[in-house]
Amino acid sequence: MHPGADDGTWSGARPKAGTGVDRACVGTRPVGGVPALDDSSPMYRVADHIDKPAEGGYAAVCTGMAAHNETQTLDVWRIPFARFDAAVCGSALKGVTVRLRDTDVSRKTLDKLFDRIGDDMSRWDGTFRMREVGVAERWFVQVAVVDPDKAESIIKKAYGAKNAPYVEVEYVDQASALAG
């Protein structure tokens, strides 16, 4: 997971339809209880601390994070798993709320889908123009095209019904770098 847009979002995946906050952990650990890396704010200390197990032993269940500076809140999307939830909640510092959100897809799965679609960018030449592909700041693989009405059904069919919920096709006039 890598920092995303200027609003403090972190890469992640689409939660299951209709899911909200499935569990909230209000931090009780003292601020010095988690070492600072680059940013000394408690919220980013917690985010850095969560990132280690999310990229390591829990990569198959963690999808991503979104940091909200104004409320000192972290949203963590994950496939529910008690040990990961305990590790995340145990790292919450005083003044920080961690909201655990259910999802049914891991970041590893989204990265693989991103790679497949990215490798196929020129496949659609002559059918429609694919401009960009990336894992969006939060919940899906974003595919930017010139003609989304034409491209969406083709792309979703090409990558299968299993992957269709995790693909968002949108209009873009010009290509630009996507976070991912």
N, C-alpha and C. Protein backbone atom coordinates (compact mmCIF):
# COMPACT_ATOMS: atom_id res chain seq x y z
N MET A 1 0.85 -1.16 0.00
CA MET A 1 0.00 0.00 0.00
C MET A 1 0.89 1.22 0.00
N HIS A 2 0.53 2.16 -0.81
CA HIS A 2 1.35 3.34 -0.98
C HIS A 2 0.48 4.57 -0.83
N PRO A 3 1.06 5.67 -0.33
CA PRO A 3 0.28 6.88 -0.23
C PRO A 3 -0.30 7.25 -1.59
N GLY A 4 -1.50 7.79 -1.58
CA GLY A 4 -2.17 8.12 -2.83
C GLY A 4 -2.32 9.61 -3.00
N ALA A 5 -3.51 10.07 -3.20
CA ALA A 5 -3.80 11.46 -3.52
C ALA A 5 -3.48 12.38 -2.36
N ASP A 6 -3.52 13.68 -2.63
CA ASP A 6 -3.22 14.69 -1.62
C ASP A 6 -4.19 14.68 -0.45
N ASP A 7 -5.34 14.06 -0.60
CA ASP A 7 -6.30 14.04 0.50
C ASP A 7 -5.97 12.98 1.54
N GLY A 8 -4.82 12.32 1.40
CA GLY A 8 -4.39 11.36 2.40
C GLY A 8 -4.90 9.96 2.18
N THR A 9 -5.48 9.67 1.02
CA THR A 9 -5.99 8.33 0.80
C THR A 9 -4.84 7.38 0.54
N TRP A 10 -5.09 6.11 0.80
CA TRP A 10 -4.13 5.06 0.55
C TRP A 10 -4.80 4.06 -0.37
N SER A 11 -4.01 3.39 -1.15
CA SER A 11 -4.57 2.45 -2.12
C SER A 11 -5.37 1.35 -1.43
N GLY A 12 -6.38 0.85 -2.12
CA GLY A 12 -7.24 -0.16 -1.55
C GLY A 12 -8.20 -0.75 -2.54
N ALA A 13 -9.25 -1.38 -2.04
CA ALA A 13 -10.19 -2.08 -2.92
C ALA A 13 -11.62 -1.76 -2.54
N ARG A 14 -12.53 -2.08 -3.43
CA ARG A 14 -13.95 -1.79 -3.25
C ARG A 14 -14.55 -2.69 -2.16
N PRO A 15 -15.22 -2.07 -1.17
CA PRO A 15 -15.88 -2.91 -0.18
C PRO A 15 -17.11 -3.58 -0.79
N LYS A 16 -17.56 -4.66 -0.17
CA LYS A 16 -18.78 -5.31 -0.64
C LYS A 16 -19.92 -4.29 -0.61
N ALA A 17 -20.85 -4.46 -1.52
CA ALA A 17 -21.99 -3.54 -1.60
C ALA A 17 -22.70 -3.46 -0.26
N GLY A 18 -23.01 -2.24 0.13
CA GLY A 18 -23.80 -2.04 1.33
C GLY A 18 -23.02 -2.11 2.63
N THR A 19 -21.71 -2.26 2.58
CA THR A 19 -20.97 -2.34 3.83
C THR A 19 -20.60 -0.94 4.30
N GLY A 20 -20.64 -0.75 5.58
CA GLY A 20 -20.21 0.49 6.19
C GLY A 20 -19.07 0.14 7.12
N VAL A 21 -19.04 0.76 8.25
CA VAL A 21 -18.02 0.44 9.23
C VAL A 21 -18.46 -0.84 9.92
N ASP A 22 -17.62 -1.84 9.87
CA ASP A 22 -17.96 -3.12 10.46
C ASP A 22 -17.44 -3.24 11.88
N ARG A 23 -16.42 -2.46 12.20
CA ARG A 23 -15.88 -2.45 13.56
C ARG A 23 -15.02 -1.20 13.69
N ALA A 24 -15.11 -0.51 14.79
CA ALA A 24 -14.26 0.66 15.03
C ALA A 24 -13.43 0.42 16.28
N CYS A 25 -12.17 0.80 16.21
CA CYS A 25 -11.26 0.68 17.34
C CYS A 25 -10.81 2.08 17.71
N VAL A 26 -11.07 2.48 18.92
CA VAL A 26 -10.66 3.79 19.39
C VAL A 26 -9.35 3.61 20.13
N GLY A 27 -8.34 4.35 19.71
CA GLY A 27 -7.00 4.18 20.26
C GLY A 27 -6.90 4.50 21.74
N THR A 28 -6.15 3.67 22.44
CA THR A 28 -5.90 3.88 23.87
C THR A 28 -4.40 3.90 24.18
N ARG A 29 -3.58 3.41 23.25
CA ARG A 29 -2.14 3.38 23.50
C ARG A 29 -1.59 4.80 23.56
N PRO A 30 -0.57 5.03 24.39
CA PRO A 30 0.04 6.36 24.42
C PRO A 30 0.71 6.65 23.07
N VAL A 31 0.77 7.92 22.70
CA VAL A 31 1.30 8.30 21.40
C VAL A 31 2.72 7.78 21.19
N GLY A 32 3.52 7.73 22.21
CA GLY A 32 4.88 7.20 22.09
C GLY A 32 4.92 5.69 21.98
N GLY A 33 3.77 5.02 22.03
CA GLY A 33 3.70 3.56 22.01
C GLY A 33 4.00 2.94 20.66
N VAL A 34 4.03 3.75 19.61
CA VAL A 34 4.39 3.28 18.27
C VAL A 34 5.42 4.26 17.73
N PRO A 35 6.59 3.77 17.31
CA PRO A 35 7.63 4.69 16.83
C PRO A 35 7.23 5.41 15.56
N ALA A 36 7.74 6.64 15.41
CA ALA A 36 7.48 7.43 14.20
C ALA A 36 8.47 7.07 13.12
N LEU A 37 8.02 7.05 11.88
CA LEU A 37 8.91 6.86 10.74
C LEU A 37 9.16 8.22 10.09
N ASP A 38 8.27 8.64 9.21
CA ASP A 38 8.45 9.91 8.52
C ASP A 38 7.63 11.04 9.11
N ASP A 39 6.50 10.74 9.65
CA ASP A 39 5.56 11.75 10.13
C ASP A 39 5.28 11.44 11.59
N SER A 40 5.35 12.45 12.42
CA SER A 40 5.17 12.19 13.84
C SER A 40 3.72 12.22 14.29
N SER A 41 2.77 12.46 13.37
CA SER A 41 1.37 12.48 13.79
C SER A 41 0.94 11.07 14.22
N PRO A 42 0.13 10.97 15.26
CA PRO A 42 -0.32 9.66 15.73
C PRO A 42 -1.00 8.84 14.63
N MET A 43 -1.81 9.48 13.80
CA MET A 43 -2.53 8.73 12.77
C MET A 43 -1.55 8.07 11.79
N TYR A 44 -0.53 8.81 11.35
CA TYR A 44 0.42 8.22 10.41
C TYR A 44 1.36 7.22 11.08
N ARG A 45 1.60 7.36 12.38
CA ARG A 45 2.34 6.32 13.10
C ARG A 45 1.57 5.01 13.06
N VAL A 46 0.26 5.10 13.31
CA VAL A 46 -0.60 3.91 13.28
C VAL A 46 -0.62 3.33 11.87
N ALA A 47 -0.79 4.18 10.85
CA ALA A 47 -0.82 3.71 9.46
C ALA A 47 0.47 2.99 9.09
N ASP A 48 1.61 3.57 9.47
CA ASP A 48 2.89 2.90 9.19
C ASP A 48 2.99 1.57 9.92
N HIS A 49 2.50 1.53 11.14
CA HIS A 49 2.54 0.29 11.94
C HIS A 49 1.64 -0.78 11.32
N ILE A 50 0.47 -0.39 10.83
CA ILE A 50 -0.46 -1.33 10.20
C ILE A 50 0.10 -1.82 8.87
N ASP A 51 0.80 -0.96 8.17
CA ASP A 51 1.32 -1.30 6.84
C ASP A 51 2.26 -2.51 6.88
N LYS A 52 3.04 -2.66 7.92
CA LYS A 52 3.99 -3.78 8.00
C LYS A 52 3.28 -5.15 7.96
N PRO A 53 2.33 -5.42 8.87
CA PRO A 53 1.67 -6.72 8.78
C PRO A 53 0.79 -6.84 7.53
N ALA A 54 0.26 -5.70 7.05
CA ALA A 54 -0.59 -5.74 5.86
C ALA A 54 0.20 -6.17 4.63
N GLU A 55 1.45 -5.78 4.55
CA GLU A 55 2.28 -6.17 3.42
C GLU A 55 2.97 -7.50 3.67
N GLY A 56 3.05 -7.91 4.91
CA GLY A 56 3.74 -9.15 5.26
C GLY A 56 2.80 -10.32 5.37
N GLY A 57 2.67 -10.85 6.56
CA GLY A 57 1.91 -12.06 6.79
C GLY A 57 0.42 -11.96 6.54
N TYR A 58 -0.12 -10.75 6.47
CA TYR A 58 -1.55 -10.59 6.27
C TYR A 58 -1.90 -10.03 4.89
N ALA A 59 -0.98 -10.09 3.95
CA ALA A 59 -1.22 -9.53 2.62
C ALA A 59 -2.41 -10.17 1.92
N ALA A 60 -2.73 -11.41 2.27
CA ALA A 60 -3.85 -12.10 1.63
C ALA A 60 -5.20 -11.61 2.14
N VAL A 61 -5.22 -10.86 3.25
CA VAL A 61 -6.50 -10.39 3.79
C VAL A 61 -6.65 -8.88 3.75
N CYS A 62 -5.56 -8.15 3.68
CA CYS A 62 -5.63 -6.70 3.71
C CYS A 62 -5.81 -6.15 2.30
N THR A 63 -6.70 -5.18 2.17
CA THR A 63 -6.96 -4.57 0.88
C THR A 63 -6.37 -3.17 0.80
N GLY A 64 -6.54 -2.37 1.81
CA GLY A 64 -5.98 -1.03 1.76
C GLY A 64 -6.43 -0.15 2.89
N MET A 65 -5.94 1.09 2.88
CA MET A 65 -6.25 2.06 3.93
C MET A 65 -6.58 3.40 3.31
N ALA A 66 -7.39 4.16 4.02
CA ALA A 66 -7.63 5.56 3.69
C ALA A 66 -7.45 6.35 4.98
N ALA A 67 -6.60 7.36 4.93
CA ALA A 67 -6.32 8.20 6.09
C ALA A 67 -7.10 9.50 5.97
N HIS A 68 -7.75 9.89 7.04
CA HIS A 68 -8.54 11.12 7.07
C HIS A 68 -7.95 12.07 8.11
N ASN A 69 -7.14 13.01 7.63
CA ASN A 69 -6.43 13.92 8.51
C ASN A 69 -7.35 14.72 9.43
N GLU A 70 -8.46 15.21 8.89
CA GLU A 70 -9.34 16.10 9.65
C GLU A 70 -9.98 15.41 10.86
N THR A 71 -10.17 14.11 10.80
CA THR A 71 -10.80 13.39 11.91
C THR A 71 -9.85 12.43 12.62
N GLN A 72 -8.60 12.35 12.15
CA GLN A 72 -7.63 11.41 12.71
C GLN A 72 -8.21 10.00 12.72
N THR A 73 -8.75 9.61 11.57
CA THR A 73 -9.39 8.32 11.40
C THR A 73 -8.73 7.57 10.25
N LEU A 74 -8.53 6.28 10.44
CA LEU A 74 -8.03 5.39 9.38
C LEU A 74 -9.12 4.39 9.05
N ASP A 75 -9.44 4.27 7.77
CA ASP A 75 -10.32 3.19 7.32
C ASP A 75 -9.41 2.10 6.79
N VAL A 76 -9.63 0.88 7.24
CA VAL A 76 -8.84 -0.28 6.80
C VAL A 76 -9.80 -1.29 6.19
N TRP A 77 -9.64 -1.53 4.89
CA TRP A 77 -10.45 -2.54 4.22
C TRP A 77 -9.69 -3.84 4.26
N ARG A 78 -10.41 -4.89 4.68
CA ARG A 78 -9.78 -6.21 4.79
C ARG A 78 -10.84 -7.29 4.69
N ILE A 79 -10.38 -8.46 4.30
CA ILE A 79 -11.21 -9.64 4.39
C ILE A 79 -11.20 -9.99 5.88
N PRO A 80 -12.34 -10.04 6.55
CA PRO A 80 -12.34 -10.23 8.00
C PRO A 80 -11.49 -11.43 8.43
N PHE A 81 -10.59 -11.16 9.38
CA PHE A 81 -9.68 -12.18 9.91
C PHE A 81 -9.30 -11.73 11.32
N ALA A 82 -9.68 -12.49 12.31
CA ALA A 82 -9.56 -12.09 13.72
C ALA A 82 -8.14 -11.67 14.11
N ARG A 83 -7.13 -12.40 13.69
CA ARG A 83 -5.76 -12.05 14.10
C ARG A 83 -5.31 -10.72 13.50
N PHE A 84 -5.66 -10.47 12.24
CA PHE A 84 -5.32 -9.20 11.62
C PHE A 84 -6.07 -8.07 12.33
N ASP A 85 -7.37 -8.27 12.56
CA ASP A 85 -8.16 -7.25 13.25
C ASP A 85 -7.55 -6.92 14.61
N ALA A 86 -7.13 -7.94 15.35
CA ALA A 86 -6.52 -7.73 16.67
C ALA A 86 -5.21 -6.95 16.55
N ALA A 87 -4.40 -7.27 15.55
CA ALA A 87 -3.13 -6.56 15.34
C ALA A 87 -3.39 -5.09 14.99
N VAL A 88 -4.37 -4.85 14.15
CA VAL A 88 -4.70 -3.48 13.75
C VAL A 88 -5.24 -2.70 14.94
N CYS A 89 -6.21 -3.25 15.63
CA CYS A 89 -6.81 -2.54 16.76
C CYS A 89 -5.80 -2.34 17.89
N GLY A 90 -4.91 -3.29 18.06
CA GLY A 90 -3.90 -3.17 19.10
C GLY A 90 -2.89 -2.08 18.84
N SER A 91 -2.79 -1.61 17.60
CA SER A 91 -1.83 -0.56 17.27
C SER A 91 -2.44 0.84 17.34
N ALA A 92 -3.73 0.96 17.59
CA ALA A 92 -4.39 2.26 17.59
C ALA A 92 -3.92 3.12 18.77
N LEU A 93 -3.44 4.31 18.46
CA LEU A 93 -2.95 5.24 19.46
C LEU A 93 -4.07 6.16 19.93
N LYS A 94 -3.88 6.72 21.11
CA LYS A 94 -4.85 7.67 21.67
C LYS A 94 -5.05 8.81 20.67
N GLY A 95 -6.33 9.13 20.43
CA GLY A 95 -6.67 10.19 19.49
C GLY A 95 -6.92 9.71 18.07
N VAL A 96 -6.70 8.42 17.81
CA VAL A 96 -6.88 7.86 16.47
C VAL A 96 -7.98 6.80 16.54
N THR A 97 -8.87 6.84 15.55
CA THR A 97 -9.89 5.81 15.42
C THR A 97 -9.59 5.01 14.16
N VAL A 98 -9.59 3.70 14.30
CA VAL A 98 -9.40 2.81 13.15
C VAL A 98 -10.74 2.14 12.89
N ARG A 99 -11.23 2.32 11.66
CA ARG A 99 -12.49 1.69 11.28
C ARG A 99 -12.18 0.53 10.35
N LEU A 100 -12.54 -0.66 10.77
CA LEU A 100 -12.33 -1.86 9.96
C LEU A 100 -13.55 -2.05 9.07
N ARG A 101 -13.30 -2.22 7.79
CA ARG A 101 -14.38 -2.37 6.82
C ARG A 101 -14.22 -3.68 6.08
N ASP A 102 -15.32 -4.42 5.99
CA ASP A 102 -15.30 -5.71 5.29
C ASP A 102 -15.15 -5.51 3.79
N THR A 103 -14.43 -6.40 3.18
CA THR A 103 -14.33 -6.48 1.74
C THR A 103 -14.20 -7.96 1.39
N ASP A 104 -14.34 -8.27 0.15
CA ASP A 104 -14.21 -9.67 -0.25
C ASP A 104 -13.08 -9.87 -1.26
N VAL A 105 -12.13 -8.93 -1.30
CA VAL A 105 -11.01 -9.02 -2.23
C VAL A 105 -9.76 -8.46 -1.56
N SER A 106 -8.63 -9.10 -1.82
CA SER A 106 -7.37 -8.63 -1.25
C SER A 106 -6.66 -7.71 -2.23
N ARG A 107 -5.71 -6.96 -1.73
CA ARG A 107 -4.90 -6.09 -2.59
C ARG A 107 -4.11 -6.93 -3.59
N LYS A 108 -3.65 -8.10 -3.16
CA LYS A 108 -2.91 -8.98 -4.08
C LYS A 108 -3.76 -9.32 -5.29
N THR A 109 -5.04 -9.62 -5.08
CA THR A 109 -5.95 -9.94 -6.18
C THR A 109 -6.13 -8.73 -7.09
N LEU A 110 -6.30 -7.55 -6.51
CA LEU A 110 -6.45 -6.34 -7.32
C LEU A 110 -5.19 -6.03 -8.11
N ASP A 111 -4.04 -6.24 -7.50
CA ASP A 111 -2.78 -6.00 -8.22
C ASP A 111 -2.64 -6.94 -9.42
N LYS A 112 -3.05 -8.19 -9.25
CA LYS A 112 -3.00 -9.14 -10.37
C LYS A 112 -3.95 -8.72 -11.49
N LEU A 113 -5.15 -8.27 -11.13
CA LEU A 113 -6.10 -7.80 -12.13
C LEU A 113 -5.56 -6.56 -12.83
N PHE A 114 -4.99 -5.65 -12.08
CA PHE A 114 -4.35 -4.46 -12.65
C PHE A 114 -3.27 -4.86 -13.67
N ASP A 115 -2.43 -5.82 -13.30
CA ASP A 115 -1.38 -6.28 -14.22
C ASP A 115 -1.97 -6.85 -15.50
N ARG A 116 -3.00 -7.67 -15.38
CA ARG A 116 -3.63 -8.27 -16.57
C ARG A 116 -4.19 -7.20 -17.49
N ILE A 117 -4.94 -6.27 -16.92
CA ILE A 117 -5.55 -5.23 -17.75
C ILE A 117 -4.47 -4.34 -18.34
N GLY A 118 -3.48 -3.98 -17.55
CA GLY A 118 -2.39 -3.14 -18.04
C GLY A 118 -1.62 -3.79 -19.18
N ASP A 119 -1.38 -5.10 -19.07
CA ASP A 119 -0.67 -5.82 -20.13
C ASP A 119 -1.48 -5.84 -21.42
N ASP A 120 -2.79 -5.70 -21.31
CA ASP A 120 -3.68 -5.77 -22.48
C ASP A 120 -4.06 -4.40 -23.05
N MET A 121 -3.42 -3.33 -22.62
CA MET A 121 -3.86 -2.00 -23.04
C MET A 121 -3.98 -1.86 -24.56
N SER A 122 -3.02 -2.37 -25.28
CA SER A 122 -3.07 -2.21 -26.75
C SER A 122 -4.01 -3.22 -27.41
N ARG A 123 -4.48 -4.20 -26.67
CA ARG A 123 -5.40 -5.21 -27.20
C ARG A 123 -6.66 -4.59 -27.78
N TRP A 124 -7.08 -3.46 -27.24
CA TRP A 124 -8.36 -2.86 -27.60
C TRP A 124 -8.24 -1.83 -28.73
N ASP A 125 -7.01 -1.60 -29.21
CA ASP A 125 -6.83 -0.63 -30.30
C ASP A 125 -7.75 -0.98 -31.46
N GLY A 126 -8.47 0.01 -31.95
CA GLY A 126 -9.42 -0.21 -33.02
C GLY A 126 -10.83 -0.45 -32.52
N THR A 127 -10.96 -0.85 -31.25
CA THR A 127 -12.28 -1.06 -30.65
C THR A 127 -12.65 0.15 -29.79
N PHE A 128 -11.74 0.56 -28.92
CA PHE A 128 -11.87 1.78 -28.12
C PHE A 128 -10.47 2.15 -27.65
N ARG A 129 -10.31 3.35 -27.12
CA ARG A 129 -9.00 3.81 -26.66
C ARG A 129 -8.91 3.75 -25.15
N MET A 130 -8.05 2.86 -24.67
CA MET A 130 -7.78 2.78 -23.24
C MET A 130 -6.63 3.74 -22.96
N ARG A 131 -6.86 4.67 -22.05
CA ARG A 131 -5.85 5.69 -21.74
C ARG A 131 -5.03 5.36 -20.50
N GLU A 132 -5.67 4.81 -19.49
CA GLU A 132 -5.00 4.58 -18.21
C GLU A 132 -5.57 3.35 -17.54
N VAL A 133 -4.76 2.76 -16.68
CA VAL A 133 -5.24 1.70 -15.79
C VAL A 133 -4.43 1.81 -14.50
N GLY A 134 -5.10 1.63 -13.38
CA GLY A 134 -4.41 1.70 -12.10
C GLY A 134 -5.32 1.23 -10.99
N VAL A 135 -4.73 0.92 -9.86
CA VAL A 135 -5.53 0.60 -8.68
C VAL A 135 -5.87 1.94 -8.06
N ALA A 136 -7.15 2.26 -8.01
CA ALA A 136 -7.60 3.55 -7.50
C ALA A 136 -7.26 3.70 -6.03
N GLU A 137 -7.35 4.91 -5.55
CA GLU A 137 -6.97 5.19 -4.17
C GLU A 137 -7.65 4.29 -3.16
N ARG A 138 -8.82 3.79 -3.51
CA ARG A 138 -9.52 3.01 -2.49
C ARG A 138 -9.90 1.61 -2.92
N TRP A 139 -10.86 1.40 -3.81
CA TRP A 139 -11.50 0.09 -3.83
C TRP A 139 -11.54 -0.68 -5.13
N PHE A 140 -10.85 -0.33 -6.16
CA PHE A 140 -11.06 -1.02 -7.43
C PHE A 140 -9.94 -0.75 -8.40
N VAL A 141 -9.94 -1.49 -9.50
CA VAL A 141 -9.03 -1.21 -10.61
C VAL A 141 -9.77 -0.23 -11.51
N GLN A 142 -9.14 0.90 -11.71
CA GLN A 142 -9.73 1.97 -12.51
C GLN A 142 -9.21 1.86 -13.94
N VAL A 143 -10.12 1.86 -14.89
CA VAL A 143 -9.77 1.80 -16.31
C VAL A 143 -10.35 3.06 -16.95
N ALA A 144 -9.48 3.91 -17.45
CA ALA A 144 -9.91 5.16 -18.06
C ALA A 144 -9.84 5.03 -19.58
N VAL A 145 -10.96 5.35 -20.22
CA VAL A 145 -11.09 5.21 -21.67
C VAL A 145 -11.75 6.45 -22.24
N VAL A 146 -11.68 6.58 -23.56
CA VAL A 146 -12.32 7.70 -24.24
C VAL A 146 -13.83 7.47 -24.36
N ASP A 147 -14.25 6.22 -24.54
CA ASP A 147 -15.67 5.91 -24.75
C ASP A 147 -16.13 4.83 -23.75
N PRO A 148 -16.46 5.23 -22.50
CA PRO A 148 -16.82 4.24 -21.49
C PRO A 148 -18.08 3.45 -21.82
N ASP A 149 -19.03 4.06 -22.50
CA ASP A 149 -20.27 3.33 -22.84
C ASP A 149 -19.96 2.13 -23.73
N LYS A 150 -19.02 2.29 -24.62
CA LYS A 150 -18.63 1.20 -25.52
C LYS A 150 -17.71 0.20 -24.80
N ALA A 151 -16.80 0.70 -24.00
CA ALA A 151 -15.74 -0.13 -23.43
C ALA A 151 -16.15 -0.95 -22.21
N GLU A 152 -17.04 -0.44 -21.38
CA GLU A 152 -17.32 -1.09 -20.09
C GLU A 152 -17.75 -2.54 -20.24
N SER A 153 -18.73 -2.83 -21.04
CA SER A 153 -19.20 -4.22 -21.15
C SER A 153 -18.13 -5.12 -21.77
N ILE A 154 -17.35 -4.60 -22.70
CA ILE A 154 -16.29 -5.38 -23.33
C ILE A 154 -15.22 -5.74 -22.30
N ILE A 155 -14.80 -4.76 -21.52
CA ILE A 155 -13.74 -4.99 -20.53
C ILE A 155 -14.23 -5.95 -19.44
N LYS A 156 -15.41 -5.71 -18.93
CA LYS A 156 -15.91 -6.57 -17.85
C LYS A 156 -16.11 -8.00 -18.33
N LYS A 157 -16.56 -8.17 -19.55
CA LYS A 157 -16.71 -9.52 -20.11
C LYS A 157 -15.34 -10.18 -20.30
N ALA A 158 -14.37 -9.42 -20.78
CA ALA A 158 -13.03 -9.97 -21.05
C ALA A 158 -12.36 -10.49 -19.78
N TYR A 159 -12.60 -9.86 -18.64
CA TYR A 159 -11.93 -10.26 -17.40
C TYR A 159 -12.82 -11.08 -16.49
N GLY A 160 -14.03 -11.36 -16.93
CA GLY A 160 -14.90 -12.32 -16.24
C GLY A 160 -15.79 -11.74 -15.17
N ALA A 161 -16.86 -12.46 -14.91
CA ALA A 161 -17.85 -12.03 -13.91
C ALA A 161 -17.25 -11.94 -12.52
N LYS A 162 -16.27 -12.79 -12.22
CA LYS A 162 -15.62 -12.78 -10.91
C LYS A 162 -14.89 -11.45 -10.66
N ASN A 163 -14.30 -10.88 -11.71
CA ASN A 163 -13.54 -9.65 -11.58
C ASN A 163 -14.35 -8.39 -11.86
N ALA A 164 -15.49 -8.51 -12.51
CA ALA A 164 -16.29 -7.35 -12.92
C ALA A 164 -16.61 -6.38 -11.78
N PRO A 165 -16.92 -6.86 -10.56
CA PRO A 165 -17.23 -5.89 -9.49
C PRO A 165 -16.05 -5.01 -9.10
N TYR A 166 -14.85 -5.41 -9.48
CA TYR A 166 -13.65 -4.69 -9.06
C TYR A 166 -13.04 -3.87 -10.19
N VAL A 167 -13.80 -3.66 -11.26
CA VAL A 167 -13.35 -2.86 -12.39
C VAL A 167 -14.30 -1.68 -12.54
N GLU A 168 -13.74 -0.48 -12.52
CA GLU A 168 -14.52 0.74 -12.77
C GLU A 168 -14.00 1.33 -14.07
N VAL A 169 -14.89 1.51 -15.02
CA VAL A 169 -14.54 2.11 -16.31
C VAL A 169 -15.08 3.53 -16.30
N GLU A 170 -14.20 4.48 -16.63
CA GLU A 170 -14.62 5.88 -16.63
C GLU A 170 -14.01 6.63 -17.80
N TYR A 171 -14.60 7.78 -18.10
CA TYR A 171 -14.15 8.62 -19.20
C TYR A 171 -12.91 9.41 -18.79
N VAL A 172 -11.97 9.50 -19.73
CA VAL A 172 -10.84 10.43 -19.58
C VAL A 172 -10.45 10.87 -20.99
N ASP A 173 -10.17 12.15 -21.12
CA ASP A 173 -9.79 12.70 -22.42
C ASP A 173 -8.31 12.50 -22.69
N GLN A 174 -7.48 12.70 -21.65
CA GLN A 174 -6.04 12.58 -21.79
C GLN A 174 -5.50 11.62 -20.73
N ALA A 175 -4.43 10.95 -21.06
CA ALA A 175 -3.79 10.04 -20.11
C ALA A 175 -3.02 10.85 -19.07
N SER A 176 -2.98 10.31 -17.86
CA SER A 176 -2.17 10.85 -16.79
C SER A 176 -1.81 9.70 -15.85
N ALA A 177 -0.86 9.93 -14.98
CA ALA A 177 -0.42 8.86 -14.07
C ALA A 177 -1.50 8.61 -13.02
N LEU A 178 -1.77 7.35 -12.76
CA LEU A 178 -2.70 6.95 -11.70
C LEU A 178 -1.92 6.39 -10.55
N ALA A 179 -2.39 6.64 -9.32
CA ALA A 179 -1.76 6.05 -8.13
C ALA A 179 -2.08 4.57 -8.13
N GLY A 180 -1.15 3.78 -7.69
CA GLY A 180 -1.47 2.37 -7.61
C GLY A 180 -0.33 1.51 -7.21
